[in-house]
């Protein structure tokens, strides 16, 4: 049974208060940028008061421009930020009104463009100026915030296009191949099997993924499976279908439902049954 791509799903979990999820739109990048960036995404919201969203992040890095009538991620807005991979489920407190546009990099794409090891940003949200300098970050921020909503992705693309390299580290393509195999093959549940399949030691695989992606292979495999589980619960419940959690656990490679429940609870914050009971 093929695993859904890591690109499927936004990572935003059902809200306990039933206020739903912000609706997002996506734009495909141009050919040159698409070697490194999967897509641009935008989200805009207006709520009666501050709202909290819970996110089970994907194993990718984002560069964002964020605007609101209050701070976001602890930063005064407007602001341009780098979001590294977050290994835990995390909360986002939204001000009453705002919008965000982000570039979602392919695994390894962030390092290929900016030259910085991905692991330096793991579990961190930092101002873009710390990476590219204040003037370059201000250029992106000014260009995107001045654009009409329908033109923001094009403005982001223009800024990025001047930074993509003509030639890239050969390790980048190797990393893309490895991560694609991990995301696409549900039978891969052990990091040792991934290393063997690509003819390298576990230590080499760990170093390669930490440098280019930001996390190790065991975490990647676990996160892909958890996203599969959340997506399966959401899709079945949305279609009005009953879902058997024991069957789901077995289909995704957990030893039994108890192990599945422990892992799900540890990473999502609530058990599968509690999550299933939340309003869609």
Protein backbone atom coordinates (compact mmCIF):
# COMPACT_ATOMS: atom_id res chain seq x y z
CA UNK A 1 0.00 0.00 0.00
CA UNK A 2 1.74 3.23 -1.07
CA UNK A 3 2.21 5.91 1.53
CA UNK A 4 0.67 9.32 0.80
CA UNK A 5 3.27 11.89 -0.16
CA UNK A 6 4.68 14.08 2.60
CA UNK A 7 3.18 16.98 0.68
CA UNK A 8 -0.36 15.79 1.41
CA UNK A 9 -2.07 17.52 4.31
CA UNK A 10 -1.33 20.84 5.90
CA UNK A 11 -0.28 19.49 9.29
CA UNK A 12 -2.91 21.64 11.04
CA UNK A 13 -4.77 19.41 13.47
CA UNK A 14 -8.41 19.58 14.44
CA UNK A 15 -8.94 22.34 16.96
CA UNK A 16 -10.39 21.25 20.33
CA UNK A 17 -12.69 24.30 20.36
CA UNK A 18 -14.26 23.38 17.03
CA UNK A 19 -13.24 26.62 15.31
CA UNK A 20 -11.85 24.71 12.34
CA UNK A 21 -8.76 25.25 10.25
CA UNK A 22 -7.81 28.30 8.18
CA UNK A 23 -8.30 27.74 4.48
CA UNK A 24 -5.10 27.90 2.46
CA UNK A 25 -4.25 28.31 -1.21
CA UNK A 26 -1.13 27.13 -3.00
CA UNK A 27 0.85 28.32 -6.02
CA UNK A 28 3.42 26.31 -7.92
CA UNK A 29 6.85 27.92 -8.35
CA UNK A 30 8.53 28.46 -11.70
CA UNK A 31 10.83 25.83 -13.18
CA UNK A 32 14.10 27.12 -11.76
CA UNK A 33 12.78 27.64 -8.24
CA UNK A 34 10.79 24.38 -8.34
CA UNK A 35 14.05 22.44 -8.07
CA UNK A 36 14.18 23.57 -4.45
CA UNK A 37 10.71 24.83 -3.45
CA UNK A 38 7.66 22.59 -3.52
CA UNK A 39 5.08 25.38 -3.43
CA UNK A 40 4.07 28.74 -2.10
CA UNK A 41 1.15 28.70 0.31
CA UNK A 42 -1.03 31.48 1.62
CA UNK A 43 -3.49 31.66 4.46
CA UNK A 44 -5.64 34.56 5.63
CA UNK A 45 -7.91 34.68 8.66
CA UNK A 46 -10.24 36.84 10.69
CA UNK A 47 -11.55 35.61 14.02
CA UNK A 48 -13.37 37.28 16.88
CA UNK A 49 -10.42 36.96 19.21
CA UNK A 50 -7.00 35.36 19.44
CA UNK A 51 -7.16 31.76 18.21
CA UNK A 52 -4.87 28.83 18.88
CA UNK A 53 -4.01 26.24 16.24
CA UNK A 54 -2.18 22.96 16.81
CA UNK A 55 0.28 21.80 14.17
CA UNK A 56 1.97 18.46 13.50
CA UNK A 57 4.62 19.82 11.17
CA UNK A 58 5.93 18.21 8.03
CA UNK A 59 9.67 17.49 7.67
CA UNK A 60 10.33 20.62 5.62
CA UNK A 61 11.60 24.16 6.19
CA UNK A 62 9.54 27.25 5.39
CA UNK A 63 10.44 30.88 4.75
CA UNK A 64 7.46 33.12 5.46
CA UNK A 65 6.19 36.67 5.37
CA UNK A 66 3.66 37.19 8.18
CA UNK A 67 1.31 40.12 8.81
CA UNK A 68 -1.22 40.53 11.60
CA UNK A 69 -2.73 42.95 14.07
CA UNK A 70 -0.69 41.35 16.82
CA UNK A 71 2.47 39.26 17.28
CA UNK A 72 2.85 35.86 15.62
CA UNK A 73 5.33 33.29 16.94
CA UNK A 74 6.38 35.94 19.44
CA UNK A 75 7.48 38.42 16.74
CA UNK A 76 5.96 41.80 15.99
CA UNK A 77 4.59 41.88 12.45
CA UNK A 78 5.10 42.38 9.59
CA UNK A 79 8.05 40.03 9.73
CA UNK A 80 9.95 37.56 7.51
CA UNK A 81 10.83 34.32 9.27
CA UNK A 82 12.59 30.98 8.81
CA UNK A 83 10.67 28.03 10.28
CA UNK A 84 12.82 24.99 10.88
CA UNK A 85 11.39 21.53 11.33
CA UNK A 86 9.57 21.27 14.66
CA UNK A 87 9.85 17.80 16.13
CA UNK A 88 6.93 18.14 18.55
CA UNK A 89 3.34 19.18 18.03
CA UNK A 90 3.28 22.92 18.55
CA UNK A 91 0.77 25.70 19.07
CA UNK A 92 0.31 28.80 16.92
CA UNK A 93 -1.51 31.68 18.57
CA UNK A 94 -3.11 33.81 15.87
CA UNK A 95 -4.11 37.45 16.34
CA UNK A 96 -7.69 38.35 15.34
CA UNK A 97 -6.71 39.22 11.75
CA UNK A 98 -3.75 38.49 9.55
CA UNK A 99 -2.22 36.68 6.63
CA UNK A 100 0.87 34.61 5.88
CA UNK A 101 2.58 33.56 2.70
CA UNK A 102 5.31 30.96 2.80
CA UNK A 103 7.72 29.11 0.57
CA UNK A 104 7.74 25.44 1.46
CA UNK A 105 11.12 24.00 0.57
CA UNK A 106 11.67 20.46 -0.63
CA UNK A 107 13.70 18.29 1.75
CA UNK A 108 17.26 19.53 1.31
CA UNK A 109 16.14 22.49 -0.81
CA UNK A 110 16.65 25.08 1.91
CA UNK A 111 20.31 24.16 2.39
CA UNK A 112 20.85 24.01 -1.38
CA UNK A 113 19.62 27.61 -1.75
CA UNK A 114 20.99 29.27 1.39
CA UNK A 115 24.02 27.09 2.19
CA UNK A 116 23.11 26.72 5.87
CA UNK A 117 22.84 23.34 7.55
CA UNK A 118 19.17 22.55 8.13
CA UNK A 119 19.80 21.15 11.61
CA UNK A 120 20.79 24.65 12.80
CA UNK A 121 17.11 25.63 12.45
CA UNK A 122 15.47 22.51 13.88
CA UNK A 123 12.91 23.42 16.56
CA UNK A 124 13.50 27.12 15.88
CA UNK A 125 11.70 30.07 14.30
CA UNK A 126 14.17 32.87 13.54
CA UNK A 127 14.07 36.18 11.67
CA UNK A 128 15.10 35.76 8.05
CA UNK A 129 17.59 38.62 8.48
CA UNK A 130 19.76 36.39 10.67
CA UNK A 131 20.28 34.16 7.63
CA UNK A 132 20.43 36.53 4.64
CA UNK A 133 21.11 39.89 6.27
CA UNK A 134 18.71 42.65 7.25
CA UNK A 135 18.64 44.42 3.89
CA UNK A 136 17.79 41.28 1.91
CA UNK A 137 15.10 40.26 4.40
CA UNK A 138 13.68 43.79 4.27
CA UNK A 139 13.59 43.56 0.47
CA UNK A 140 11.44 40.44 0.61
CA UNK A 141 9.20 41.88 3.30
CA UNK A 142 8.65 45.17 1.48
CA UNK A 143 8.07 43.56 -1.92
CA UNK A 144 5.56 40.99 -0.69
CA UNK A 145 3.59 43.24 1.66
CA UNK A 146 3.26 45.90 -1.07
CA UNK A 147 1.84 43.39 -3.58
CA UNK A 148 -1.83 42.69 -4.11
CA UNK A 149 -2.92 39.37 -2.54
CA UNK A 150 -3.01 37.60 -5.90
CA UNK A 151 0.52 38.85 -6.70
CA UNK A 152 2.26 37.93 -3.44
CA UNK A 153 3.51 34.56 -4.68
CA UNK A 154 5.01 36.20 -7.78
CA UNK A 155 6.75 38.78 -5.58
CA UNK A 156 8.13 35.99 -3.39
CA UNK A 157 9.24 34.10 -6.50
CA UNK A 158 11.10 37.14 -7.83
CA UNK A 159 13.09 37.42 -4.59
CA UNK A 160 13.90 33.71 -4.49
CA UNK A 161 14.74 33.42 -8.18
CA UNK A 162 17.81 35.58 -7.77
CA UNK A 163 19.14 33.30 -5.05
CA UNK A 164 18.78 29.81 -6.49
CA UNK A 165 22.12 28.30 -7.48
CA UNK A 166 22.96 27.21 -10.99
CA UNK A 167 24.79 24.14 -9.70
CA UNK A 168 24.03 22.32 -6.47
CA UNK A 169 25.77 19.91 -4.15
CA UNK A 170 25.33 16.36 -5.53
CA UNK A 171 24.26 15.33 -2.04
CA UNK A 172 21.06 17.32 -2.54
CA UNK A 173 19.76 14.99 -5.26
CA UNK A 174 20.78 12.01 -3.19
CA UNK A 175 18.83 13.33 -0.23
CA UNK A 176 15.76 13.93 -2.38
CA UNK A 177 15.90 10.33 -3.61
CA UNK A 178 16.26 8.95 -0.09
CA UNK A 179 13.46 11.02 1.42
CA UNK A 180 11.14 10.27 -1.50
CA UNK A 181 11.71 6.55 -0.93
CA UNK A 182 11.00 6.93 2.79
CA UNK A 183 7.81 8.91 2.11
CA UNK A 184 6.55 6.59 -0.62
CA UNK A 185 7.12 3.13 0.81
CA UNK A 186 5.00 2.18 3.81
CA UNK A 187 6.99 -1.03 4.28
CA UNK A 188 10.01 1.02 5.34
CA UNK A 189 9.71 1.23 9.11
CA UNK A 190 13.38 0.85 10.17
CA UNK A 191 16.14 3.37 9.55
CA UNK A 192 18.60 0.53 9.16
CA UNK A 193 16.66 -0.72 6.14
CA UNK A 194 16.79 2.74 4.58
CA UNK A 195 20.56 2.89 5.00
CA UNK A 196 21.02 -0.57 3.54
CA UNK A 197 18.75 0.20 0.57
CA UNK A 198 20.94 3.18 -0.34
CA UNK A 199 24.27 1.50 0.30
CA UNK A 200 25.44 3.53 3.28
CA UNK A 201 26.03 3.16 6.98
CA UNK A 202 23.54 4.39 9.54
CA UNK A 203 26.02 7.05 10.68
CA UNK A 204 26.39 8.36 7.12
CA UNK A 205 22.62 8.43 6.63
CA UNK A 206 22.10 10.25 9.92
CA UNK A 207 24.70 12.90 9.10
CA UNK A 208 23.39 13.39 5.58
CA UNK A 209 19.79 13.89 6.66
CA UNK A 210 20.62 16.12 9.62
CA UNK A 211 22.73 18.37 7.39
CA UNK A 212 20.27 18.65 4.51
CA UNK A 213 16.86 18.01 6.12
CA UNK A 214 17.36 18.84 9.79
CA UNK A 215 16.38 15.55 11.47
CA UNK A 216 17.48 11.92 11.50
CA UNK A 217 15.95 8.98 9.64
CA UNK A 218 14.11 7.44 12.59
CA UNK A 219 12.25 10.68 13.27
CA UNK A 220 11.41 11.06 9.57
CA UNK A 221 9.88 7.60 9.34
CA UNK A 222 7.88 8.14 12.51
CA UNK A 223 6.56 11.51 11.34
CA UNK A 224 5.51 10.15 7.93
CA UNK A 225 3.54 7.40 9.68
CA UNK A 226 1.88 9.84 12.06
CA UNK A 227 0.79 12.07 9.18
CA UNK A 228 -0.61 8.99 7.47
CA UNK A 229 -2.58 8.17 10.63
CA UNK A 230 -3.98 11.69 11.07
CA UNK A 231 -4.90 11.87 7.37
CA UNK A 232 -6.64 8.50 7.50
CA UNK A 233 -8.68 9.49 10.56
CA UNK A 234 -9.65 12.85 9.05
CA UNK A 235 -10.57 11.38 5.67
CA UNK A 236 -12.60 8.50 7.04
CA UNK A 237 -14.45 10.66 9.55
CA UNK A 238 -15.05 13.36 6.94
CA UNK A 239 -16.65 10.76 4.69
CA UNK A 240 -18.81 9.47 7.52
CA UNK A 241 -17.01 6.13 7.57
CA UNK A 242 -16.17 4.11 10.66
CA UNK A 243 -12.44 3.66 11.18
CA UNK A 244 -10.95 0.67 12.99
CA UNK A 245 -7.90 1.99 14.85
CA UNK A 246 -6.41 -1.48 15.30
CA UNK A 247 -6.56 -2.08 11.54
CA UNK A 248 -5.14 1.38 10.91
CA UNK A 249 -2.23 0.74 13.27
CA UNK A 250 -1.43 -2.58 11.58
CA UNK A 251 -1.64 -1.09 8.09
CA UNK A 252 0.87 1.61 9.03
CA UNK A 253 3.38 -0.78 10.55
CA UNK A 254 2.78 -0.46 14.29
CA UNK A 255 3.25 -3.64 16.28
CA UNK A 256 -0.21 -3.29 17.87
CA UNK A 257 -2.82 -0.70 18.72
CA UNK A 258 -1.27 0.01 22.12
CA UNK A 259 2.04 1.03 20.54
CA UNK A 260 0.17 3.14 18.00
CA UNK A 261 -1.83 4.88 20.74
CA UNK A 262 1.32 5.65 22.75
CA UNK A 263 3.15 7.11 19.76
CA UNK A 264 0.14 9.09 18.55
CA UNK A 265 -0.50 10.52 22.01
CA UNK A 266 3.16 11.41 22.53
CA UNK A 267 3.38 13.37 19.28
CA UNK A 268 -0.15 14.69 18.71
CA UNK A 269 -0.88 15.40 22.37
CA UNK A 270 -4.09 13.38 22.63
CA UNK A 271 -5.02 9.77 21.94
CA UNK A 272 -6.45 8.72 18.55
CA UNK A 273 -9.90 8.32 20.12
CA UNK A 274 -9.83 11.81 21.64
CA UNK A 275 -8.62 13.27 18.37
CA UNK A 276 -11.35 11.43 16.45
CA UNK A 277 -13.96 12.92 18.78
CA UNK A 278 -12.90 16.50 18.02
CA UNK A 279 -15.18 18.52 15.72
CA UNK A 280 -14.16 18.41 12.07
